[in-house]
Amino acid sequence: MNPTALLTARVRAQDGPGCELVQDGFLAEPVSAWTSLAFVVAGVVVLVRARREGHRAHDADTSDHRPSARPHPLAGYAALVAAVGIGSFVQHGPDPVWSDLAHDLPLLVVLAYVGADAAADLTGRRPAWWWWAGPTLALVPLILLAPRAGDLAQVGVAVVAVALTVRRAVIRPRQRRRIATALALLAVGGTVGTLSRAGWPLCDPSSPLQGHAVWHVLAATALVVLAPTIGLSSHPPPRARR
């Protein structure tokens, strides 16, 4: 790409959430759009695993596993994860006027869902739908009317969800490695994605390898890794040894 075209690409990339050159046509950001589907694949993987485990008979000690009779938390989680991919594809693809809501709302719901599920586990209760739906609906006007403030609110929800998930790892020793792996994937993906934003060191609009795309793949993988922890509130945590 010649210098003039590259400069134009960098300017146009400012219109997008990442660094990728914004193009004309159905897919404004092709690389980011296609990699958004990693979340859809992740949702399918989680759902398939949930159905398989739903038919398995559990052995004597099931204190750190989901019971086969309750695959519903994972089924709902799988649908939400897939919705993140669909919303992200809408924003990076055709990018209609309502794309911000399509992108942000599913992600916010997943964060709230994970946080609510962890909170239920910590308190020994089953999560009610309004634990995660309430905060999500309350932030919709903010996303629509003040996108910047909406982004900050999502960061706040993410921080709370991560804190509760880390605390969950404390009471669920068998899940610590899984939770740590998921958080590590999110940390690496988030770092690469941030450093690849327009104006940041790793930003190269002409490159077929986009940091935001890396974030999509790693975040989707992290949600698959985290899936077996969803629904653990139906079992009491293992007792500490004396």
C-alpha atoms as a PDB file:
ATOM      1  CA  MET A   1       0.000   0.000   0.000  1.00  0.00           C
ATOM      2  CA  ASN A   2       1.442   3.391  -0.979  1.00  0.00           C
ATOM      3  CA  PRO A   3       1.892   6.137   1.672  1.00  0.00           C
ATOM      4  CA  THR A   4      -1.135   8.143   0.520  1.00  0.00           C
ATOM      5  CA  ALA A   5      -3.432   5.126   0.599  1.00  0.00           C
ATOM      6  CA  LEU A   6      -2.056   4.076   3.971  1.00  0.00           C
ATOM      7  CA  LEU A   7      -2.683   7.560   5.396  1.00  0.00           C
ATOM      8  CA  THR A   8      -6.239   7.442   4.049  1.00  0.00           C
ATOM      9  CA  ALA A   9      -6.681   4.001   5.588  1.00  0.00           C
ATOM     10  CA  ARG A  10      -5.536   5.235   8.973  1.00  0.00           C
ATOM     11  CA  VAL A  11      -7.959   8.156   8.846  1.00  0.00           C
ATOM     12  CA  ARG A  12     -10.859   5.924   7.832  1.00  0.00           C
ATOM     13  CA  ALA A  13      -9.946   3.410  10.521  1.00  0.00           C
ATOM     14  CA  GLN A  14     -10.757   6.056  13.109  1.00  0.00           C
ATOM     15  CA  ASP A  15     -14.440   5.518  12.263  1.00  0.00           C
ATOM     16  CA  GLY A  16     -14.303   1.921  13.437  1.00  0.00           C
ATOM     17  CA  PRO A  17     -13.965   0.536  16.979  1.00  0.00           C
ATOM     18  CA  GLY A  18     -10.547  -0.891  16.120  1.00  0.00           C
ATOM     19  CA  CYS A  19      -7.823  -0.263  13.590  1.00  0.00           C
ATOM     20  CA  GLU A  20      -9.031  -2.127  10.531  1.00  0.00           C
ATOM     21  CA  LEU A  21      -9.632  -0.140   7.353  1.00  0.00           C
ATOM     22  CA  VAL A  22     -13.330   0.653   7.017  1.00  0.00           C
ATOM     23  CA  GLN A  23     -14.411  -0.462   3.559  1.00  0.00           C
ATOM     24  CA  ASP A  24     -17.432   0.132   1.380  1.00  0.00           C
ATOM     25  CA  GLY A  25     -19.874  -2.701   0.918  1.00  0.00           C
ATOM     26  CA  PHE A  26     -21.697  -5.169   3.165  1.00  0.00           C
ATOM     27  CA  LEU A  27     -18.675  -5.849   5.386  1.00  0.00           C
ATOM     28  CA  ALA A  28     -17.223  -2.599   6.674  1.00  0.00           C
ATOM     29  CA  GLU A  29     -14.471  -4.425   8.564  1.00  0.00           C
ATOM     30  CA  PRO A  30     -14.187  -7.898   7.009  1.00  0.00           C
ATOM     31  CA  VAL A  31     -11.553  -9.393   9.326  1.00  0.00           C
ATOM     32  CA  SER A  32     -13.335  -8.246  12.476  1.00  0.00           C
ATOM     33  CA  ALA A  33     -16.712  -9.235  11.062  1.00  0.00           C
ATOM     34  CA  TRP A  34     -15.735 -12.813  10.223  1.00  0.00           C
ATOM     35  CA  THR A  35     -13.856 -13.374  13.484  1.00  0.00           C
ATOM     36  CA  SER A  36     -16.947 -12.182  15.374  1.00  0.00           C
ATOM     37  CA  LEU A  37     -18.463 -15.518  14.422  1.00  0.00           C
ATOM     38  CA  ALA A  38     -16.002 -17.153  16.832  1.00  0.00           C
ATOM     39  CA  PHE A  39     -18.562 -16.322  19.527  1.00  0.00           C
ATOM     40  CA  VAL A  40     -21.280 -18.129  17.579  1.00  0.00           C
ATOM     41  CA  VAL A  41     -19.020 -21.182  17.301  1.00  0.00           C
ATOM     42  CA  ALA A  42     -18.276 -20.886  21.018  1.00  0.00           C
ATOM     43  CA  GLY A  43     -21.992 -20.845  21.823  1.00  0.00           C
ATOM     44  CA  VAL A  44     -22.549 -23.988  19.758  1.00  0.00           C
ATOM     45  CA  VAL A  45     -19.624 -25.752  21.466  1.00  0.00           C
ATOM     46  CA  VAL A  46     -20.988 -24.884  24.918  1.00  0.00           C
ATOM     47  CA  LEU A  47     -24.487 -26.052  23.975  1.00  0.00           C
ATOM     48  CA  VAL A  48     -23.256 -29.361  22.545  1.00  0.00           C
ATOM     49  CA  ARG A  49     -21.217 -30.013  25.667  1.00  0.00           C
ATOM     50  CA  ALA A  50     -24.184 -29.140  27.874  1.00  0.00           C
ATOM     51  CA  ARG A  51     -26.435 -31.591  26.051  1.00  0.00           C
ATOM     52  CA  ARG A  52     -23.848 -34.341  26.254  1.00  0.00           C
ATOM     53  CA  GLU A  53     -23.351 -33.828  29.964  1.00  0.00           C
ATOM     54  CA  GLY A  54     -27.099 -33.668  30.440  1.00  0.00           C
ATOM     55  CA  HIS A  55     -27.263 -37.345  29.516  1.00  0.00           C
ATOM     56  CA  ARG A  56     -24.416 -38.463  31.714  1.00  0.00           C
ATOM     57  CA  ALA A  57     -24.919 -40.081  35.100  1.00  0.00           C
ATOM     58  CA  HIS A  58     -22.809 -38.444  37.798  1.00  0.00           C
ATOM     59  CA  ASP A  59     -20.849 -40.466  40.292  1.00  0.00           C
ATOM     60  CA  ALA A  60     -20.874 -40.208  44.072  1.00  0.00           C
ATOM     61  CA  ASP A  61     -19.100 -36.880  44.605  1.00  0.00           C
ATOM     62  CA  THR A  62     -20.717 -34.253  42.374  1.00  0.00           C
ATOM     63  CA  SER A  63     -20.048 -31.284  44.630  1.00  0.00           C
ATOM     64  CA  ASP A  64     -18.088 -29.478  41.937  1.00  0.00           C
ATOM     65  CA  HIS A  65     -20.139 -30.396  38.845  1.00  0.00           C
ATOM     66  CA  ARG A  66     -23.461 -29.415  37.307  1.00  0.00           C
ATOM     67  CA  PRO A  67     -26.222 -31.974  37.784  1.00  0.00           C
ATOM     68  CA  SER A  68     -27.425 -33.640  34.602  1.00  0.00           C
ATOM     69  CA  ALA A  69     -31.007 -32.608  35.327  1.00  0.00           C
ATOM     70  CA  ARG A  70     -30.219 -28.885  35.066  1.00  0.00           C
ATOM     71  CA  PRO A  71     -28.581 -28.031  31.747  1.00  0.00           C
ATOM     72  CA  HIS A  72     -30.618 -24.828  31.534  1.00  0.00           C
ATOM     73  CA  PRO A  73     -28.002 -22.380  32.897  1.00  0.00           C
ATOM     74  CA  LEU A  74     -25.521 -23.507  30.251  1.00  0.00           C
ATOM     75  CA  ALA A  75     -28.147 -23.487  27.507  1.00  0.00           C
ATOM     76  CA  GLY A  76     -28.967 -19.876  28.285  1.00  0.00           C
ATOM     77  CA  TYR A  77     -25.299 -19.014  28.593  1.00  0.00           C
ATOM     78  CA  ALA A  78     -24.608 -20.602  25.195  1.00  0.00           C
ATOM     79  CA  ALA A  79     -27.345 -18.530  23.569  1.00  0.00           C
ATOM     80  CA  LEU A  80     -25.981 -15.328  25.073  1.00  0.00           C
ATOM     81  CA  VAL A  81     -22.437 -16.094  23.936  1.00  0.00           C
ATOM     82  CA  ALA A  82     -23.678 -16.708  20.389  1.00  0.00           C
ATOM     83  CA  ALA A  83     -25.624 -13.438  20.533  1.00  0.00           C
ATOM     84  CA  VAL A  84     -22.373 -11.583  21.244  1.00  0.00           C
ATOM     85  CA  GLY A  85     -21.030 -12.871  17.929  1.00  0.00           C
ATOM     86  CA  ILE A  86     -24.157 -11.910  16.020  1.00  0.00           C
ATOM     87  CA  GLY A  87     -24.146  -8.395  17.472  1.00  0.00           C
ATOM     88  CA  SER A  88     -20.461  -7.968  16.777  1.00  0.00           C
ATOM     89  CA  PHE A  89     -20.918  -9.162  13.178  1.00  0.00           C
ATOM     90  CA  VAL A  90     -23.683  -6.593  12.715  1.00  0.00           C
ATOM     91  CA  GLN A  91     -21.421  -3.785  13.896  1.00  0.00           C
ATOM     92  CA  HIS A  92     -18.327  -4.809  11.960  1.00  0.00           C
ATOM     93  CA  GLY A  93     -20.351  -5.852   8.933  1.00  0.00           C
ATOM     94  CA  PRO A  94     -23.337  -3.851   7.638  1.00  0.00           C
ATOM     95  CA  ASP A  95     -23.036  -1.417  10.596  1.00  0.00           C
ATOM     96  CA  PRO A  96     -26.610  -0.010  10.698  1.00  0.00           C
ATOM     97  CA  VAL A  97     -27.532   2.948  12.893  1.00  0.00           C
ATOM     98  CA  TRP A  98     -28.482   0.593  15.733  1.00  0.00           C
ATOM     99  CA  SER A  99     -25.213  -1.374  15.577  1.00  0.00           C
ATOM    100  CA  ASP A 100     -23.888   0.013  18.888  1.00  0.00           C
ATOM    101  CA  LEU A 101     -26.829  -1.472  20.763  1.00  0.00           C
ATOM    102  CA  ALA A 102     -26.575  -4.732  18.809  1.00  0.00           C
ATOM    103  CA  HIS A 103     -22.889  -4.985  19.748  1.00  0.00           C
ATOM    104  CA  ASP A 104     -22.943  -3.751  23.335  1.00  0.00           C
ATOM    105  CA  LEU A 105     -26.159  -5.267  24.675  1.00  0.00           C
ATOM    106  CA  PRO A 106     -25.298  -8.990  24.248  1.00  0.00           C
ATOM    107  CA  LEU A 107     -21.824  -8.421  25.680  1.00  0.00           C
ATOM    108  CA  LEU A 108     -23.283  -6.593  28.649  1.00  0.00           C
ATOM    109  CA  VAL A 109     -25.787  -9.398  29.220  1.00  0.00           C
ATOM    110  CA  VAL A 110     -23.031 -12.037  29.212  1.00  0.00           C
ATOM    111  CA  LEU A 111     -20.980 -10.060  31.733  1.00  0.00           C
ATOM    112  CA  ALA A 112     -23.998  -9.566  33.973  1.00  0.00           C
ATOM    113  CA  TYR A 113     -24.981 -13.233  33.604  1.00  0.00           C
ATOM    114  CA  VAL A 114     -21.520 -14.474  34.590  1.00  0.00           C
ATOM    115  CA  GLY A 115     -21.404 -12.063  37.525  1.00  0.00           C
ATOM    116  CA  ALA A 116     -24.889 -13.027  38.727  1.00  0.00           C
ATOM    117  CA  ASP A 117     -24.085 -16.728  38.461  1.00  0.00           C
ATOM    118  CA  ALA A 118     -20.897 -16.267  40.469  1.00  0.00           C
ATOM    119  CA  ALA A 119     -22.772 -14.195  43.072  1.00  0.00           C
ATOM    120  CA  ALA A 120     -25.343 -16.969  43.413  1.00  0.00           C
ATOM    121  CA  ASP A 121     -22.568 -19.488  43.941  1.00  0.00           C
ATOM    122  CA  LEU A 122     -20.955 -17.326  46.603  1.00  0.00           C
ATOM    123  CA  THR A 123     -24.229 -16.869  48.469  1.00  0.00           C
ATOM    124  CA  GLY A 124     -25.456 -20.441  48.042  1.00  0.00           C
ATOM    125  CA  ARG A 125     -28.546 -19.360  46.112  1.00  0.00           C
ATOM    126  CA  ARG A 126     -29.924 -19.996  42.667  1.00  0.00           C
ATOM    127  CA  PRO A 127     -29.703 -16.870  40.497  1.00  0.00           C
ATOM    128  CA  ALA A 128     -32.944 -15.190  39.492  1.00  0.00           C
ATOM    129  CA  TRP A 129     -33.280 -13.820  35.972  1.00  0.00           C
ATOM    130  CA  TRP A 130     -33.544 -10.252  37.222  1.00  0.00           C
ATOM    131  CA  TRP A 131     -30.073 -10.476  38.803  1.00  0.00           C
ATOM    132  CA  TRP A 132     -28.582 -10.068  35.354  1.00  0.00           C
ATOM    133  CA  ALA A 133     -31.514  -8.670  33.352  1.00  0.00           C
ATOM    134  CA  GLY A 134     -32.062  -5.770  35.759  1.00  0.00           C
ATOM    135  CA  PRO A 135     -28.609  -4.162  35.423  1.00  0.00           C
ATOM    136  CA  THR A 136     -28.638  -4.776  31.673  1.00  0.00           C
ATOM    137  CA  LEU A 137     -31.974  -3.050  31.076  1.00  0.00           C
ATOM    138  CA  ALA A 138     -30.964  -0.170  33.346  1.00  0.00           C
ATOM    139  CA  LEU A 139     -27.923   0.545  31.170  1.00  0.00           C
ATOM    140  CA  VAL A 140     -29.704   0.431  27.802  1.00  0.00           C
ATOM    141  CA  PRO A 141     -30.649   4.161  27.858  1.00  0.00           C
ATOM    142  CA  LEU A 142     -27.033   4.993  28.691  1.00  0.00           C
ATOM    143  CA  ILE A 143     -25.760   2.957  25.737  1.00  0.00           C
ATOM    144  CA  LEU A 144     -28.203   4.706  23.399  1.00  0.00           C
ATOM    145  CA  LEU A 145     -27.892   8.265  24.673  1.00  0.00           C
ATOM    146  CA  ALA A 146     -24.290   8.402  25.898  1.00  0.00           C
ATOM    147  CA  PRO A 147     -22.173   5.745  24.190  1.00  0.00           C
ATOM    148  CA  ARG A 148     -18.959   6.789  25.937  1.00  0.00           C
ATOM    149  CA  ALA A 149     -20.572   6.571  29.357  1.00  0.00           C
ATOM    150  CA  GLY A 150     -22.150   3.287  28.279  1.00  0.00           C
ATOM    151  CA  ASP A 151     -18.700   1.888  27.489  1.00  0.00           C
ATOM    152  CA  LEU A 152     -17.453   2.919  30.929  1.00  0.00           C
ATOM    153  CA  ALA A 153     -20.479   1.301  32.545  1.00  0.00           C
ATOM    154  CA  GLN A 154     -19.694  -1.933  30.727  1.00  0.00           C
ATOM    155  CA  VAL A 155     -16.160  -1.784  32.055  1.00  0.00           C
ATOM    156  CA  GLY A 156     -17.621  -1.444  35.537  1.00  0.00           C
ATOM    157  CA  VAL A 157     -19.854  -4.484  35.044  1.00  0.00           C
ATOM    158  CA  ALA A 158     -16.854  -6.424  33.698  1.00  0.00           C
ATOM    159  CA  VAL A 159     -14.771  -5.534  36.753  1.00  0.00           C
ATOM    160  CA  VAL A 160     -17.527  -6.718  39.090  1.00  0.00           C
ATOM    161  CA  ALA A 161     -17.997  -9.947  37.096  1.00  0.00           C
ATOM    162  CA  VAL A 162     -14.253 -10.676  37.169  1.00  0.00           C
ATOM    163  CA  ALA A 163     -14.024  -9.953  40.907  1.00  0.00           C
ATOM    164  CA  LEU A 164     -16.916 -12.297  41.671  1.00  0.00           C
ATOM    165  CA  THR A 165     -15.447 -14.973  39.399  1.00  0.00           C
ATOM    166  CA  VAL A 166     -12.069 -14.735  41.133  1.00  0.00           C
ATOM    167  CA  ARG A 167     -13.828 -15.076  44.477  1.00  0.00           C
ATOM    168  CA  ARG A 168     -15.642 -18.104  43.079  1.00  0.00           C
ATOM    169  CA  ALA A 169     -12.264 -19.679  42.337  1.00  0.00           C
ATOM    170  CA  VAL A 170     -11.450 -19.398  46.031  1.00  0.00           C
ATOM    171  CA  ILE A 171     -14.428 -21.526  47.091  1.00  0.00           C
ATOM    172  CA  ARG A 172     -14.187 -23.879  44.098  1.00  0.00           C
ATOM    173  CA  PRO A 173     -10.626 -25.259  44.152  1.00  0.00           C
ATOM    174  CA  ARG A 174     -11.296 -27.661  41.303  1.00  0.00           C
ATOM    175  CA  GLN A 175     -12.272 -24.734  39.091  1.00  0.00           C
ATOM    176  CA  ARG A 176      -9.284 -22.520  39.836  1.00  0.00           C
ATOM    177  CA  ARG A 177      -7.201 -23.623  36.877  1.00  0.00           C
ATOM    178  CA  ARG A 178     -10.166 -23.251  34.527  1.00  0.00           C
ATOM    179  CA  ILE A 179     -11.026 -19.779  35.810  1.00  0.00           C
ATOM    180  CA  ALA A 180      -7.381 -18.695  35.744  1.00  0.00           C
ATOM    181  CA  THR A 181      -7.058 -19.902  32.145  1.00  0.00           C
ATOM    182  CA  ALA A 182     -10.182 -18.047  31.068  1.00  0.00           C
ATOM    183  CA  LEU A 183      -9.052 -14.820  32.745  1.00  0.00           C
ATOM    184  CA  ALA A 184      -5.576 -15.147  31.214  1.00  0.00           C
ATOM    185  CA  LEU A 185      -7.078 -15.502  27.740  1.00  0.00           C
ATOM    186  CA  LEU A 186      -9.217 -12.426  28.329  1.00  0.00           C
ATOM    187  CA  ALA A 187      -6.230 -10.470  29.634  1.00  0.00           C
ATOM    188  CA  VAL A 188      -4.048 -11.328  26.636  1.00  0.00           C
ATOM    189  CA  GLY A 189      -6.868 -10.677  24.182  1.00  0.00           C
ATOM    190  CA  GLY A 190      -7.765  -7.396  25.845  1.00  0.00           C
ATOM    191  CA  THR A 191      -4.150  -6.234  25.823  1.00  0.00           C
ATOM    192  CA  VAL A 192      -3.650  -7.086  22.149  1.00  0.00           C
ATOM    193  CA  GLY A 193      -6.975  -5.496  21.247  1.00  0.00           C
ATOM    194  CA  THR A 194      -6.186  -2.287  23.114  1.00  0.00           C
ATOM    195  CA  LEU A 195      -2.684  -1.955  21.681  1.00  0.00           C
ATOM    196  CA  SER A 196      -4.149  -2.479  18.217  1.00  0.00           C
ATOM    197  CA  ARG A 197      -6.675   0.330  18.365  1.00  0.00           C
ATOM    198  CA  ALA A 198      -6.325   3.302  16.045  1.00  0.00           C
ATOM    199  CA  GLY A 199      -3.346   5.392  17.144  1.00  0.00           C
ATOM    200  CA  TRP A 200      -1.811   2.642  19.276  1.00  0.00           C
ATOM    201  CA  PRO A 201       1.500   0.842  18.559  1.00  0.00           C
ATOM    202  CA  LEU A 202       0.102  -2.349  17.019  1.00  0.00           C
ATOM    203  CA  CYS A 203      -2.356  -0.609  14.717  1.00  0.00           C
ATOM    204  CA  ASP A 204      -1.775  -1.370  11.036  1.00  0.00           C
ATOM    205  CA  PRO A 205      -4.902  -0.883   8.884  1.00  0.00           C
ATOM    206  CA  SER A 206      -3.241  -2.610   5.913  1.00  0.00           C
ATOM    207  CA  SER A 207      -2.513  -5.831   7.835  1.00  0.00           C
ATOM    208  CA  PRO A 208      -4.785  -8.880   7.430  1.00  0.00           C
ATOM    209  CA  LEU A 209      -4.022  -9.705  11.073  1.00  0.00           C
ATOM    210  CA  GLN A 210      -5.993  -7.318  13.251  1.00  0.00           C
ATOM    211  CA  GLY A 211      -5.670  -7.096  17.018  1.00  0.00           C
ATOM    212  CA  HIS A 212      -9.409  -6.685  17.445  1.00  0.00           C
ATOM    213  CA  ALA A 213      -9.869  -9.964  15.588  1.00  0.00           C
ATOM    214  CA  VAL A 214      -7.413 -11.619  17.974  1.00  0.00           C
ATOM    215  CA  TRP A 215      -9.521 -10.304  20.842  1.00  0.00           C
ATOM    216  CA  HIS A 216     -12.625 -11.906  19.316  1.00  0.00           C
ATOM    217  CA  VAL A 217     -11.025 -15.344  19.081  1.00  0.00           C
ATOM    218  CA  LEU A 218      -9.387 -15.299  22.521  1.00  0.00           C
ATOM    219  CA  ALA A 219     -12.483 -13.910  24.263  1.00  0.00           C
ATOM    220  CA  ALA A 220     -14.702 -16.538  22.630  1.00  0.00           C
ATOM    221  CA  THR A 221     -12.279 -19.256  23.703  1.00  0.00           C
ATOM    222  CA  ALA A 222     -12.254 -17.899  27.257  1.00  0.00           C
ATOM    223  CA  LEU A 223     -16.058 -18.086  27.429  1.00  0.00           C
ATOM    224  CA  VAL A 224     -15.919 -21.743  26.367  1.00  0.00           C
ATOM    225  CA  VAL A 225     -13.295 -22.482  29.014  1.00  0.00           C
ATOM    226  CA  LEU A 226     -15.389 -20.712  31.658  1.00  0.00           C
ATOM    227  CA  ALA A 227     -18.630 -22.497  30.729  1.00  0.00           C
ATOM    228  CA  PRO A 228     -18.321 -25.484  33.120  1.00  0.00           C
ATOM    229  CA  THR A 229     -18.375 -23.092  36.073  1.00  0.00           C
ATOM    230  CA  ILE A 230     -21.842 -21.820  35.146  1.00  0.00           C
ATOM    231  CA  GLY A 231     -24.603 -23.308  37.285  1.00  0.00           C
ATOM    232  CA  LEU A 232     -22.382 -24.433  40.149  1.00  0.00           C
ATOM    233  CA  SER A 233     -24.615 -22.635  42.644  1.00  0.00           C
ATOM    234  CA  SER A 234     -26.893 -25.695  42.591  1.00  0.00           C
ATOM    235  CA  HIS A 235     -24.180 -27.530  44.546  1.00  0.00           C
ATOM    236  CA  PRO A 236     -22.712 -26.458  47.881  1.00  0.00           C
ATOM    237  CA  PRO A 237     -19.015 -25.600  47.769  1.00  0.00           C
ATOM    238  CA  PRO A 238     -16.632 -28.255  49.092  1.00  0.00           C
ATOM    239  CA  ARG A 239     -16.018 -28.017  52.811  1.00  0.00           C
ATOM    240  CA  ALA A 240     -12.660 -26.718  53.900  1.00  0.00           C
ATOM    241  CA  ARG A 241     -10.416 -29.290  55.493  1.00  0.00           C
ATOM    242  CA  ARG A 242      -9.731 -28.912  59.167  1.00  0.00           C
END
